[in-house]
Amino acid sequence: MNPLGYEHRRQRPISRSRFLLRLVTHAIVAQVIVVVSLGAGMVGYHHYESMNWRDAYLNTTMLLGGMGPVKTELTEQGKVFAGTYALYAGLVVIVVVGIMIAPVMHRGLHRFHWAAEGEE
């Protein structure tokens, strides 16, 4: 196996139980990224906008979910933070989706190549 833990195309595909473990591992990594991002956004809104924790949570989750901020009347520092965090949140969505899809795509492509090599 390579350093990322994925099997080489010449190796036999891993068992279903190991594949499920790989899915769970990827899901945990994705959740850690989301939780850390949620915490950072809440702290930023709490610091720059003096929002209470519930409002900071609401604004942060709306940005991470791609819906946009709830409170739009912000201070100058809050505007800079919200804009930067919005860009970051968009990247987090892409990264988390990539982390979750990677094992499924790898398995599909690996099985395709494994079958093609076995037929030769």
PDB file of N, CA and C in Angstrom:
ATOM      1  N   MET A   1       0.836  -1.200   0.000  1.00  0.00           N
ATOM      2  CA  MET A   1       0.000   0.000   0.000  1.00  0.00           C
ATOM      3  C   MET A   1       0.874   1.254   0.000  1.00  0.00           C
ATOM      4  N   ASN A   2       0.328   2.299  -0.570  1.00  0.00           N
ATOM      5  CA  ASN A   2       1.044   3.556  -0.600  1.00  0.00           C
ATOM      6  C   ASN A   2       0.833   4.311   0.713  1.00  0.00           C
ATOM      7  N   PRO A   3       1.508   5.431   0.912  1.00  0.00           N
ATOM      8  CA  PRO A   3       1.391   6.163   2.183  1.00  0.00           C
ATOM      9  C   PRO A   3      -0.034   6.620   2.513  1.00  0.00           C
ATOM     10  N   LEU A   4      -0.876   6.812   1.513  1.00  0.00           N
ATOM     11  CA  LEU A   4      -2.249   7.238   1.778  1.00  0.00           C
ATOM     12  C   LEU A   4      -3.151   6.081   2.189  1.00  0.00           C
ATOM     13  N   GLY A   5      -2.666   4.872   2.080  1.00  0.00           N
ATOM     14  CA  GLY A   5      -3.449   3.728   2.500  1.00  0.00           C
ATOM     15  C   GLY A   5      -4.273   3.084   1.402  1.00  0.00           C
ATOM     16  N   TYR A   6      -4.203   3.603   0.206  1.00  0.00           N
ATOM     17  CA  TYR A   6      -4.936   3.021  -0.907  1.00  0.00           C
ATOM     18  C   TYR A   6      -4.072   1.960  -1.581  1.00  0.00           C
ATOM     19  N   GLU A   7      -4.699   0.904  -2.034  1.00  0.00           N
ATOM     20  CA  GLU A   7      -3.963  -0.161  -2.686  1.00  0.00           C
ATOM     21  C   GLU A   7      -3.613   0.236  -4.124  1.00  0.00           C
ATOM     22  N   HIS A   8      -2.504  -0.296  -4.581  1.00  0.00           N
ATOM     23  CA  HIS A   8      -2.049  -0.064  -5.943  1.00  0.00           C
ATOM     24  C   HIS A   8      -2.976  -0.804  -6.907  1.00  0.00           C
ATOM     25  N   ARG A   9      -3.031  -0.353  -8.141  1.00  0.00           N
ATOM     26  CA  ARG A   9      -3.945  -0.970  -9.111  1.00  0.00           C
ATOM     27  C   ARG A   9      -3.620  -2.432  -9.385  1.00  0.00           C
ATOM     28  N   ARG A  10      -2.380  -2.835  -9.135  1.00  0.00           N
ATOM     29  CA  ARG A  10      -2.017  -4.241  -9.355  1.00  0.00           C
ATOM     30  C   ARG A  10      -2.352  -5.124  -8.150  1.00  0.00           C
ATOM     31  N   GLN A  11      -2.717  -4.481  -7.039  1.00  0.00           N
ATOM     32  CA  GLN A  11      -3.095  -5.243  -5.855  1.00  0.00           C
ATOM     33  C   GLN A  11      -4.586  -5.563  -5.897  1.00  0.00           C
ATOM     34  N   ARG A  12      -4.947  -6.651  -5.244  1.00  0.00           N
ATOM     35  CA  ARG A  12      -6.342  -7.067  -5.160  1.00  0.00           C
ATOM     36  C   ARG A  12      -7.135  -6.010  -4.373  1.00  0.00           C
ATOM     37  N   PRO A  13      -8.377  -5.701  -4.771  1.00  0.00           N
ATOM     38  CA  PRO A  13      -9.197  -4.763  -3.994  1.00  0.00           C
ATOM     39  C   PRO A  13      -9.368  -5.261  -2.552  1.00  0.00           C
ATOM     40  N   ILE A  14      -9.430  -4.344  -1.622  1.00  0.00           N
ATOM     41  CA  ILE A  14      -9.562  -4.715  -0.217  1.00  0.00           C
ATOM     42  C   ILE A  14     -10.944  -5.309   0.044  1.00  0.00           C
ATOM     43  N   SER A  15     -11.077  -5.996   1.166  1.00  0.00           N
ATOM     44  CA  SER A  15     -12.346  -6.636   1.522  1.00  0.00           C
ATOM     45  C   SER A  15     -13.404  -5.581   1.830  1.00  0.00           C
ATOM     46  N   ARG A  16     -14.648  -6.017   1.838  1.00  0.00           N
ATOM     47  CA  ARG A  16     -15.756  -5.109   2.116  1.00  0.00           C
ATOM     48  C   ARG A  16     -15.631  -4.511   3.525  1.00  0.00           C
ATOM     49  N   SER A  17     -15.214  -5.313   4.494  1.00  0.00           N
ATOM     50  CA  SER A  17     -15.093  -4.800   5.866  1.00  0.00           C
ATOM     51  C   SER A  17     -13.986  -3.746   5.962  1.00  0.00           C
ATOM     52  N   ARG A  18     -12.862  -3.961   5.295  1.00  0.00           N
ATOM     53  CA  ARG A  18     -11.801  -2.947   5.299  1.00  0.00           C
ATOM     54  C   ARG A  18     -12.235  -1.698   4.539  1.00  0.00           C
ATOM     55  N   PHE A  19     -13.030  -1.879   3.489  1.00  0.00           N
ATOM     56  CA  PHE A  19     -13.547  -0.730   2.753  1.00  0.00           C
ATOM     57  C   PHE A  19     -14.495   0.088   3.636  1.00  0.00           C
ATOM     58  N   LEU A  20     -15.355  -0.575   4.382  1.00  0.00           N
ATOM     59  CA  LEU A  20     -16.256   0.135   5.297  1.00  0.00           C
ATOM     60  C   LEU A  20     -15.473   0.873   6.376  1.00  0.00           C
ATOM     61  N   LEU A  21     -14.403   0.270   6.859  1.00  0.00           N
ATOM     62  CA  LEU A  21     -13.530   0.943   7.826  1.00  0.00           C
ATOM     63  C   LEU A  21     -12.899   2.174   7.197  1.00  0.00           C
ATOM     64  N   ARG A  22     -12.499   2.064   5.936  1.00  0.00           N
ATOM     65  CA  ARG A  22     -11.940   3.215   5.224  1.00  0.00           C
ATOM     66  C   ARG A  22     -12.980   4.327   5.102  1.00  0.00           C
ATOM     67  N   LEU A  23     -14.222   3.966   4.800  1.00  0.00           N
ATOM     68  CA  LEU A  23     -15.293   4.967   4.721  1.00  0.00           C
ATOM     69  C   LEU A  23     -15.499   5.666   6.058  1.00  0.00           C
ATOM     70  N   VAL A  24     -15.510   4.888   7.133  1.00  0.00           N
ATOM     71  CA  VAL A  24     -15.686   5.464   8.466  1.00  0.00           C
ATOM     72  C   VAL A  24     -14.527   6.394   8.804  1.00  0.00           C
ATOM     73  N   THR A  25     -13.316   5.986   8.477  1.00  0.00           N
ATOM     74  CA  THR A  25     -12.146   6.824   8.737  1.00  0.00           C
ATOM     75  C   THR A  25     -12.241   8.143   7.978  1.00  0.00           C
ATOM     76  N   HIS A  26     -12.626   8.085   6.726  1.00  0.00           N
ATOM     77  CA  HIS A  26     -12.783   9.308   5.939  1.00  0.00           C
ATOM     78  C   HIS A  26     -13.901  10.182   6.513  1.00  0.00           C
ATOM     79  N   ALA A  27     -14.973   9.575   6.958  1.00  0.00           N
ATOM     80  CA  ALA A  27     -16.075  10.341   7.553  1.00  0.00           C
ATOM     81  C   ALA A  27     -15.627  11.035   8.829  1.00  0.00           C
ATOM     82  N   ILE A  28     -14.816  10.367   9.634  1.00  0.00           N
ATOM     83  CA  ILE A  28     -14.315  10.984  10.866  1.00  0.00           C
ATOM     84  C   ILE A  28     -13.418  12.169  10.542  1.00  0.00           C
ATOM     85  N   VAL A  29     -12.529  12.007   9.568  1.00  0.00           N
ATOM     86  CA  VAL A  29     -11.657  13.120   9.165  1.00  0.00           C
ATOM     87  C   VAL A  29     -12.493  14.299   8.677  1.00  0.00           C
ATOM     88  N   ALA A  30     -13.504  14.025   7.867  1.00  0.00           N
ATOM     89  CA  ALA A  30     -14.376  15.085   7.360  1.00  0.00           C
ATOM     90  C   ALA A  30     -15.110  15.782   8.505  1.00  0.00           C
ATOM     91  N   GLN A  31     -15.584  15.009   9.466  1.00  0.00           N
ATOM     92  CA  GLN A  31     -16.299  15.601  10.602  1.00  0.00           C
ATOM     93  C   GLN A  31     -15.379  16.460  11.459  1.00  0.00           C
ATOM     94  N   VAL A  32     -14.147  16.035  11.624  1.00  0.00           N
ATOM     95  CA  VAL A  32     -13.185  16.847  12.380  1.00  0.00           C
ATOM     96  C   VAL A  32     -12.967  18.182  11.675  1.00  0.00           C
ATOM     97  N   ILE A  33     -12.841  18.161  10.372  1.00  0.00           N
ATOM     98  CA  ILE A  33     -12.662  19.409   9.614  1.00  0.00           C
ATOM     99  C   ILE A  33     -13.880  20.313   9.796  1.00  0.00           C
ATOM    100  N   VAL A  34     -15.070  19.747   9.737  1.00  0.00           N
ATOM    101  CA  VAL A  34     -16.289  20.542   9.893  1.00  0.00           C
ATOM    102  C   VAL A  34     -16.377  21.123  11.307  1.00  0.00           C
ATOM    103  N   VAL A  35     -16.083  20.315  12.317  1.00  0.00           N
ATOM    104  CA  VAL A  35     -16.178  20.789  13.700  1.00  0.00           C
ATOM    105  C   VAL A  35     -15.149  21.886  13.973  1.00  0.00           C
ATOM    106  N   VAL A  36     -13.923  21.707  13.497  1.00  0.00           N
ATOM    107  CA  VAL A  36     -12.893  22.744  13.677  1.00  0.00           C
ATOM    108  C   VAL A  36     -13.306  24.023  12.946  1.00  0.00           C
ATOM    109  N   SER A  37     -13.850  23.892  11.748  1.00  0.00           N
ATOM    110  CA  SER A  37     -14.305  25.057  10.982  1.00  0.00           C
ATOM    111  C   SER A  37     -15.473  25.750  11.679  1.00  0.00           C
ATOM    112  N   LEU A  38     -16.369  24.971  12.225  1.00  0.00           N
ATOM    113  CA  LEU A  38     -17.495  25.530  12.970  1.00  0.00           C
ATOM    114  C   LEU A  38     -17.001  26.306  14.190  1.00  0.00           C
ATOM    115  N   GLY A  39     -16.065  25.718  14.915  1.00  0.00           N
ATOM    116  CA  GLY A  39     -15.512  26.399  16.084  1.00  0.00           C
ATOM    117  C   GLY A  39     -14.803  27.693  15.727  1.00  0.00           C
ATOM    118  N   ALA A  40     -14.021  27.659  14.650  1.00  0.00           N
ATOM    119  CA  ALA A  40     -13.291  28.863  14.227  1.00  0.00           C
ATOM    120  C   ALA A  40     -14.259  29.968  13.816  1.00  0.00           C
ATOM    121  N   GLY A  41     -15.304  29.608  13.095  1.00  0.00           N
ATOM    122  CA  GLY A  41     -16.285  30.610  12.687  1.00  0.00           C
ATOM    123  C   GLY A  41     -17.030  31.203  13.873  1.00  0.00           C
ATOM    124  N   MET A  42     -17.398  30.365  14.809  1.00  0.00           N
ATOM    125  CA  MET A  42     -18.107  30.858  15.999  1.00  0.00           C
ATOM    126  C   MET A  42     -17.228  31.807  16.810  1.00  0.00           C
ATOM    127  N   VAL A  43     -15.970  31.439  16.995  1.00  0.00           N
ATOM    128  CA  VAL A  43     -15.045  32.303  17.742  1.00  0.00           C
ATOM    129  C   VAL A  43     -14.866  33.627  17.002  1.00  0.00           C
ATOM    130  N   GLY A  44     -14.739  33.571  15.682  1.00  0.00           N
ATOM    131  CA  GLY A  44     -14.572  34.800  14.903  1.00  0.00           C
ATOM    132  C   GLY A  44     -15.771  35.721  15.007  1.00  0.00           C
ATOM    133  N   TYR A  45     -16.961  35.181  14.843  1.00  0.00           N
ATOM    134  CA  TYR A  45     -18.157  36.017  14.970  1.00  0.00           C
ATOM    135  C   TYR A  45     -18.325  36.538  16.386  1.00  0.00           C
ATOM    136  N   HIS A  46     -18.001  35.723  17.360  1.00  0.00           N
ATOM    137  CA  HIS A  46     -18.108  36.153  18.758  1.00  0.00           C
ATOM    138  C   HIS A  46     -17.115  37.285  19.032  1.00  0.00           C
ATOM    139  N   HIS A  47     -15.906  37.149  18.490  1.00  0.00           N
ATOM    140  CA  HIS A  47     -14.868  38.158  18.728  1.00  0.00           C
ATOM    141  C   HIS A  47     -15.120  39.446  17.949  1.00  0.00           C
ATOM    142  N   TYR A  48     -15.327  39.336  16.636  1.00  0.00           N
ATOM    143  CA  TYR A  48     -15.415  40.527  15.801  1.00  0.00           C
ATOM    144  C   TYR A  48     -16.777  41.207  15.851  1.00  0.00           C
ATOM    145  N   GLU A  49     -17.822  40.477  16.071  1.00  0.00           N
ATOM    146  CA  GLU A  49     -19.168  41.045  16.062  1.00  0.00           C
ATOM    147  C   GLU A  49     -19.834  41.045  17.427  1.00  0.00           C
ATOM    148  N   SER A  50     -19.142  40.532  18.428  1.00  0.00           N
ATOM    149  CA  SER A  50     -19.696  40.414  19.784  1.00  0.00           C
ATOM    150  C   SER A  50     -21.046  39.699  19.779  1.00  0.00           C
ATOM    151  N   MET A  51     -21.193  38.732  18.887  1.00  0.00           N
ATOM    152  CA  MET A  51     -22.430  37.948  18.835  1.00  0.00           C
ATOM    153  C   MET A  51     -22.444  36.970  20.000  1.00  0.00           C
ATOM    154  N   ASN A  52     -23.656  36.675  20.484  1.00  0.00           N
ATOM    155  CA  ASN A  52     -23.736  35.604  21.470  1.00  0.00           C
ATOM    156  C   ASN A  52     -23.455  34.292  20.734  1.00  0.00           C
ATOM    157  N   TRP A  53     -23.218  33.237  21.489  1.00  0.00           N
ATOM    158  CA  TRP A  53     -22.769  31.984  20.882  1.00  0.00           C
ATOM    159  C   TRP A  53     -23.819  31.375  19.956  1.00  0.00           C
ATOM    160  N   ARG A  54     -25.089  31.539  20.273  1.00  0.00           N
ATOM    161  CA  ARG A  54     -26.137  30.973  19.410  1.00  0.00           C
ATOM    162  C   ARG A  54     -26.191  31.685  18.068  1.00  0.00           C
ATOM    163  N   ASP A  55     -26.095  33.014  18.085  1.00  0.00           N
ATOM    164  CA  ASP A  55     -26.096  33.752  16.820  1.00  0.00           C
ATOM    165  C   ASP A  55     -24.826  33.460  16.007  1.00  0.00           C
ATOM    166  N   ALA A  56     -23.697  33.336  16.714  1.00  0.00           N
ATOM    167  CA  ALA A  56     -22.449  32.996  16.034  1.00  0.00           C
ATOM    168  C   ALA A  56     -22.559  31.603  15.402  1.00  0.00           C
ATOM    169  N   TYR A  57     -23.178  30.687  16.113  1.00  0.00           N
ATOM    170  CA  TYR A  57     -23.400  29.333  15.579  1.00  0.00           C
ATOM    171  C   TYR A  57     -24.283  29.401  14.339  1.00  0.00           C
ATOM    172  N   LEU A  58     -25.371  30.164  14.421  1.00  0.00           N
ATOM    173  CA  LEU A  58     -26.294  30.268  13.286  1.00  0.00           C
ATOM    174  C   LEU A  58     -25.593  30.837  12.059  1.00  0.00           C
ATOM    175  N   ASN A  59     -24.889  31.943  12.207  1.00  0.00           N
ATOM    176  CA  ASN A  59     -24.193  32.535  11.058  1.00  0.00           C
ATOM    177  C   ASN A  59     -23.145  31.580  10.493  1.00  0.00           C
ATOM    178  N   THR A  60     -22.404  30.932  11.370  1.00  0.00           N
ATOM    179  CA  THR A  60     -21.357  30.022  10.925  1.00  0.00           C
ATOM    180  C   THR A  60     -21.932  28.830  10.169  1.00  0.00           C
ATOM    181  N   THR A  61     -22.974  28.221  10.713  1.00  0.00           N
ATOM    182  CA  THR A  61     -23.551  27.055  10.039  1.00  0.00           C
ATOM    183  C   THR A  61     -24.192  27.436   8.713  1.00  0.00           C
ATOM    184  N   MET A  62     -24.782  28.613   8.645  1.00  0.00           N
ATOM    185  CA  MET A  62     -25.374  29.039   7.381  1.00  0.00           C
ATOM    186  C   MET A  62     -24.293  29.232   6.315  1.00  0.00           C
ATOM    187  N   LEU A  63     -23.146  29.769   6.710  1.00  0.00           N
ATOM    188  CA  LEU A  63     -22.050  29.926   5.743  1.00  0.00           C
ATOM    189  C   LEU A  63     -21.462  28.575   5.360  1.00  0.00           C
ATOM    190  N   LEU A  64     -21.254  27.691   6.332  1.00  0.00           N
ATOM    191  CA  LEU A  64     -20.710  26.363   6.019  1.00  0.00           C
ATOM    192  C   LEU A  64     -21.676  25.551   5.168  1.00  0.00           C
ATOM    193  N   GLY A  65     -22.966  25.801   5.333  1.00  0.00           N
ATOM    194  CA  GLY A  65     -23.963  25.089   4.545  1.00  0.00           C
ATOM    195  C   GLY A  65     -24.218  25.706   3.185  1.00  0.00           C
ATOM    196  N   GLY A  66     -23.572  26.827   2.898  1.00  0.00           N
ATOM    197  CA  GLY A  66     -23.711  27.451   1.589  1.00  0.00           C
ATOM    198  C   GLY A  66     -24.915  28.367   1.449  1.00  0.00           C
ATOM    199  N   MET A  67     -25.581  28.683   2.538  1.00  0.00           N
ATOM    200  CA  MET A  67     -26.792  29.507   2.474  1.00  0.00           C
ATOM    201  C   MET A  67     -26.501  31.005   2.563  1.00  0.00           C
ATOM    202  N   GLY A  68     -25.410  31.372   3.169  1.00  0.00           N
ATOM    203  CA  GLY A  68     -25.082  32.777   3.342  1.00  0.00           C
ATOM    204  C   GLY A  68     -25.342  33.214   4.765  1.00  0.00           C
ATOM    205  N   PRO A  69     -24.778  34.353   5.147  1.00  0.00           N
ATOM    206  CA  PRO A  69     -24.919  34.809   6.535  1.00  0.00           C
ATOM    207  C   PRO A  69     -26.335  35.283   6.839  1.00  0.00           C
ATOM    208  N   VAL A  70     -26.704  35.194   8.109  1.00  0.00           N
ATOM    209  CA  VAL A  70     -28.011  35.666   8.559  1.00  0.00           C
ATOM    210  C   VAL A  70     -27.926  37.151   8.868  1.00  0.00           C
ATOM    211  N   LYS A  71     -26.943  37.534   9.671  1.00  0.00           N
ATOM    212  CA  LYS A  71     -26.752  38.947  10.025  1.00  0.00           C
ATOM    213  C   LYS A  71     -25.828  39.575   8.987  1.00  0.00           C
ATOM    214  N   THR A  72     -26.324  40.610   8.318  1.00  0.00           N
ATOM    215  CA  THR A  72     -25.519  41.243   7.276  1.00  0.00           C
ATOM    216  C   THR A  72     -25.064  42.646   7.653  1.00  0.00           C
ATOM    217  N   GLU A  73     -25.586  43.201   8.726  1.00  0.00           N
ATOM    218  CA  GLU A  73     -25.126  44.510   9.190  1.00  0.00           C
ATOM    219  C   GLU A  73     -23.955  44.281  10.131  1.00  0.00           C
ATOM    220  N   LEU A  74     -22.750  44.415   9.582  1.00  0.00           N
ATOM    221  CA  LEU A  74     -21.546  44.072  10.320  1.00  0.00           C
ATOM    222  C   LEU A  74     -20.629  45.274  10.459  1.00  0.00           C
ATOM    223  N   THR A  75     -19.726  45.203  11.440  1.00  0.00           N
ATOM    224  CA  THR A  75     -18.681  46.204  11.579  1.00  0.00           C
ATOM    225  C   THR A  75     -17.671  46.004  10.453  1.00  0.00           C
ATOM    226  N   GLU A  76     -16.741  46.929  10.330  1.00  0.00           N
ATOM    227  CA  GLU A  76     -15.723  46.809   9.283  1.00  0.00           C
ATOM    228  C   GLU A  76     -14.886  45.542   9.478  1.00  0.00           C
ATOM    229  N   GLN A  77     -14.452  45.280  10.721  1.00  0.00           N
ATOM    230  CA  GLN A  77     -13.679  44.065  10.981  1.00  0.00           C
ATOM    231  C   GLN A  77     -14.533  42.831  10.750  1.00  0.00           C
ATOM    232  N   GLY A  78     -15.805  42.910  11.109  1.00  0.00           N
ATOM    233  CA  GLY A  78     -16.720  41.790  10.918  1.00  0.00           C
ATOM    234  C   GLY A  78     -16.935  41.484   9.446  1.00  0.00           C
ATOM    235  N   LYS A  79     -16.962  42.519   8.615  1.00  0.00           N
ATOM    236  CA  LYS A  79     -17.119  42.309   7.174  1.00  0.00           C
ATOM    237  C   LYS A  79     -15.918  41.572   6.596  1.00  0.00           C
ATOM    238  N   VAL A  80     -14.725  41.970   7.023  1.00  0.00           N
ATOM    239  CA  VAL A  80     -13.513  41.302   6.546  1.00  0.00           C
ATOM    240  C   VAL A  80     -13.516  39.843   7.010  1.00  0.00           C
ATOM    241  N   PHE A  81     -13.858  39.630   8.283  1.00  0.00           N
ATOM    242  CA  PHE A  81     -13.907  38.253   8.781  1.00  0.00           C
ATOM    243  C   PHE A  81     -14.959  37.441   8.032  1.00  0.00           C
ATOM    244  N   ALA A  82     -16.159  37.992   7.880  1.00  0.00           N
ATOM    245  CA  ALA A  82     -17.251  37.245   7.232  1.00  0.00           C
ATOM    246  C   ALA A  82     -16.907  36.912   5.778  1.00  0.00           C
ATOM    247  N   GLY A  83     -16.303  37.849   5.071  1.00  0.00           N
ATOM    248  CA  GLY A  83     -15.916  37.582   3.686  1.00  0.00           C
ATOM    249  C   GLY A  83     -14.851  36.509   3.587  1.00  0.00           C
ATOM    250  N   THR A  84     -13.847  36.613   4.430  1.00  0.00           N
ATOM    251  CA  THR A  84     -12.779  35.617   4.439  1.00  0.00           C
ATOM    252  C   THR A  84     -13.313  34.255   4.854  1.00  0.00           C
ATOM    253  N   TYR A  85     -14.176  34.249   5.869  1.00  0.00           N
ATOM    254  CA  TYR A  85     -14.733  32.980   6.339  1.00  0.00           C
ATOM    255  C   TYR A  85     -15.648  32.367   5.281  1.00  0.00           C
ATOM    256  N   ALA A  86     -16.363  33.196   4.531  1.00  0.00           N
ATOM    257  CA  ALA A  86     -17.230  32.684   3.469  1.00  0.00           C
ATOM    258  C   ALA A  86     -16.396  31.979   2.390  1.00  0.00           C
ATOM    259  N   LEU A  87     -15.260  32.572   2.025  1.00  0.00           N
ATOM    260  CA  LEU A  87     -14.368  31.917   1.053  1.00  0.00           C
ATOM    261  C   LEU A  87     -13.840  30.603   1.617  1.00  0.00           C
ATOM    262  N   TYR A  88     -13.432  30.639   2.876  1.00  0.00           N
ATOM    263  CA  TYR A  88     -12.942  29.434   3.533  1.00  0.00           C
ATOM    264  C   TYR A  88     -14.034  28.360   3.589  1.00  0.00           C
ATOM    265  N   ALA A  89     -15.248  28.754   3.939  1.00  0.00           N
ATOM    266  CA  ALA A  89     -16.354  27.796   4.054  1.00  0.00           C
ATOM    267  C   ALA A  89     -16.639  27.118   2.713  1.00  0.00           C
ATOM    268  N   GLY A  90     -16.545  27.866   1.638  1.00  0.00           N
ATOM    269  CA  GLY A  90     -16.739  27.269   0.316  1.00  0.00           C
ATOM    270  C   GLY A  90     -15.700  26.207   0.019  1.00  0.00           C
ATOM    271  N   LEU A  91     -14.455  26.474   0.410  1.00  0.00           N
ATOM    272  CA  LEU A  91     -13.401  25.482   0.216  1.00  0.00           C
ATOM    273  C   LEU A  91     -13.594  24.272   1.116  1.00  0.00           C
ATOM    274  N   VAL A  92     -14.085  24.494   2.333  1.00  0.00           N
ATOM    275  CA  VAL A  92     -14.334  23.383   3.253  1.00  0.00           C
ATOM    276  C   VAL A  92     -15.357  22.434   2.653  1.00  0.00           C
ATOM    277  N   VAL A  93     -16.398  22.965   2.043  1.00  0.00           N
ATOM    278  CA  VAL A  93     -17.418  22.116   1.426  1.00  0.00           C
ATOM    279  C   VAL A  93     -16.789  21.245   0.347  1.00  0.00           C
ATOM    280  N   ILE A  94     -15.966  21.841  -0.492  1.00  0.00           N
ATOM    281  CA  ILE A  94     -15.321  21.089  -1.568  1.00  0.00           C
ATOM    282  C   ILE A  94     -14.392  20.022  -1.005  1.00  0.00           C
ATOM    283  N   VAL A  95     -13.606  20.365   0.005  1.00  0.00           N
ATOM    284  CA  VAL A  95     -12.668  19.417   0.602  1.00  0.00           C
ATOM    285  C   VAL A  95     -13.415  18.265   1.265  1.00  0.00           C
ATOM    286  N   VAL A  96     -14.463  18.566   2.021  1.00  0.00           N
ATOM    287  CA  VAL A  96     -15.212  17.516   2.720  1.00  0.00           C
ATOM    288  C   VAL A  96     -15.884  16.571   1.720  1.00  0.00           C
ATOM    289  N   VAL A  97     -16.450  17.116   0.670  1.00  0.00           N
ATOM    290  CA  VAL A  97     -17.061  16.255  -0.351  1.00  0.00           C
ATOM    291  C   VAL A  97     -15.987  15.383  -1.001  1.00  0.00           C
ATOM    292  N   GLY A  98     -14.828  15.940  -1.284  1.00  0.00           N
ATOM    293  CA  GLY A  98     -13.739  15.169  -1.858  1.00  0.00           C
ATOM    294  C   GLY A  98     -13.276  14.049  -0.944  1.00  0.00           C
ATOM    295  N   ILE A  99     -13.164  14.337   0.348  1.00  0.00           N
ATOM    296  CA  ILE A  99     -12.752  13.319   1.313  1.00  0.00           C
ATOM    297  C   ILE A  99     -13.778  12.191   1.372  1.00  0.00           C
ATOM    298  N   MET A 100     -15.050  12.525   1.312  1.00  0.00           N
ATOM    299  CA  MET A 100     -16.099  11.510   1.412  1.00  0.00           C
ATOM    300  C   MET A 100     -16.225  10.691   0.123  1.00  0.00           C
ATOM    301  N   ILE A 101     -15.984  11.306  -1.015  1.00  0.00           N
ATOM    302  CA  ILE A 101     -16.153  10.604  -2.293  1.00  0.00           C
ATOM    303  C   ILE A 101     -14.907   9.795  -2.674  1.00  0.00           C
ATOM    304  N   ALA A 102     -13.741  10.194  -2.202  1.00  0.00           N
ATOM    305  CA  ALA A 102     -12.483   9.564  -2.620  1.00  0.00           C
ATOM    306  C   ALA A 102     -12.468   8.042  -2.477  1.00  0.00           C
ATOM    307  N   PRO A 103     -12.857   7.478  -1.331  1.00  0.00           N
ATOM    308  CA  PRO A 103     -12.784   6.017  -1.245  1.00  0.00           C
ATOM    309  C   PRO A 103     -13.745   5.305  -2.197  1.00  0.00           C
ATOM    310  N   VAL A 104     -14.908   5.887  -2.414  1.00  0.00           N
ATOM    311  CA  VAL A 104     -15.896   5.269  -3.312  1.00  0.00           C
ATOM    312  C   VAL A 104     -15.388   5.315  -4.749  1.00  0.00           C
ATOM    313  N   MET A 105     -14.874   6.456  -5.169  1.00  0.00           N
ATOM    314  CA  MET A 105     -14.337   6.581  -6.518  1.00  0.00           C
ATOM    315  C   MET A 105     -13.128   5.656  -6.709  1.00  0.00           C
ATOM    316  N   HIS A 106     -12.259   5.610  -5.709  1.00  0.00           N
ATOM    317  CA  HIS A 106     -11.083   4.747  -5.809  1.00  0.00           C
ATOM    318  C   HIS A 106     -11.491   3.291  -5.957  1.00  0.00           C
ATOM    319  N   ARG A 107     -12.455   2.869  -5.156  1.00  0.00           N
ATOM    320  CA  ARG A 107     -12.890   1.469  -5.229  1.00  0.00           C
ATOM    321  C   ARG A 107     -13.495   1.157  -6.597  1.00  0.00           C
ATOM    322  N   GLY A 108     -14.325   2.060  -7.101  1.00  0.00           N
ATOM    323  CA  GLY A 108     -14.930   1.840  -8.413  1.00  0.00           C
ATOM    324  C   GLY A 108     -13.896   1.759  -9.509  1.00  0.00           C
ATOM    325  N   LEU A 109     -12.968   2.700  -9.525  1.00  0.00           N
ATOM    326  CA  LEU A 109     -11.917   2.686 -10.543  1.00  0.00           C
ATOM    327  C   LEU A 109     -10.981   1.490 -10.358  1.00  0.00           C
ATOM    328  N   HIS A 110     -10.705   1.153  -9.113  1.00  0.00           N
ATOM    329  CA  HIS A 110      -9.814   0.021  -8.839  1.00  0.00           C
ATOM    330  C   HIS A 110     -10.443  -1.281  -9.342  1.00  0.00           C
ATOM    331  N   ARG A 111     -11.718  -1.474  -9.085  1.00  0.00           N
ATOM    332  CA  ARG A 111     -12.387  -2.692  -9.552  1.00  0.00           C
ATOM    333  C   ARG A 111     -12.425  -2.735 -11.078  1.00  0.00           C
ATOM    334  N   PHE A 112     -12.634  -1.579 -11.701  1.00  0.00           N
ATOM    335  CA  PHE A 112     -12.634  -1.514 -13.156  1.00  0.00           C
ATOM    336  C   PHE A 112     -11.280  -1.931 -13.709  1.00  0.00           C
ATOM    337  N   HIS A 113     -10.204  -1.373 -13.164  1.00  0.00           N
ATOM    338  CA  HIS A 113      -8.863  -1.703 -13.643  1.00  0.00           C
ATOM    339  C   HIS A 113      -8.471  -3.132 -13.277  1.00  0.00           C
ATOM    340  N   TRP A 114      -8.895  -3.603 -12.116  1.00  0.00           N
ATOM    341  CA  TRP A 114      -8.581  -4.963 -11.701  1.00  0.00           C
ATOM    342  C   TRP A 114      -9.237  -5.953 -12.659  1.00  0.00           C
ATOM    343  N   ALA A 115     -10.485  -5.700 -13.046  1.00  0.00           N
ATOM    344  CA  ALA A 115     -11.168  -6.588 -13.981  1.00  0.00           C
ATOM    345  C   ALA A 115     -10.509  -6.532 -15.363  1.00  0.00           C
ATOM    346  N   ALA A 116     -10.112  -5.341 -15.791  1.00  0.00           N
ATOM    347  CA  ALA A 116      -9.498  -5.191 -17.116  1.00  0.00           C
ATOM    348  C   ALA A 116      -8.152  -5.913 -17.164  1.00  0.00           C
ATOM    349  N   GLU A 117      -7.363  -5.831 -16.095  1.00  0.00           N
ATOM    350  CA  GLU A 117      -6.066  -6.506 -16.079  1.00  0.00           C
ATOM    351  C   GLU A 117      -6.241  -8.025 -15.987  1.00  0.00           C
ATOM    352  N   GLY A 118      -7.259  -8.468 -15.273  1.00  0.00           N
ATOM    353  CA  GLY A 118      -7.477  -9.907 -15.107  1.00  0.00           C
ATOM    354  C   GLY A 118      -7.913 -10.579 -16.392  1.00  0.00           C
ATOM    355  N   GLU A 119      -8.477  -9.832 -17.333  1.00  0.00           N
ATOM    356  CA  GLU A 119      -8.972 -10.387 -18.597  1.00  0.00           C
ATOM    357  C   GLU A 119      -7.868 -10.559 -19.619  1.00  0.00           C
ATOM    358  N   GLU A 120      -6.727  -9.914 -19.396  1.00  0.00           N
ATOM    359  CA  GLU A 120      -5.644  -9.959 -20.390  1.00  0.00           C
ATOM    360  C   GLU A 120      -5.037 -11.332 -20.511  1.00  0.00           C
TER     361      GLU A 120
END
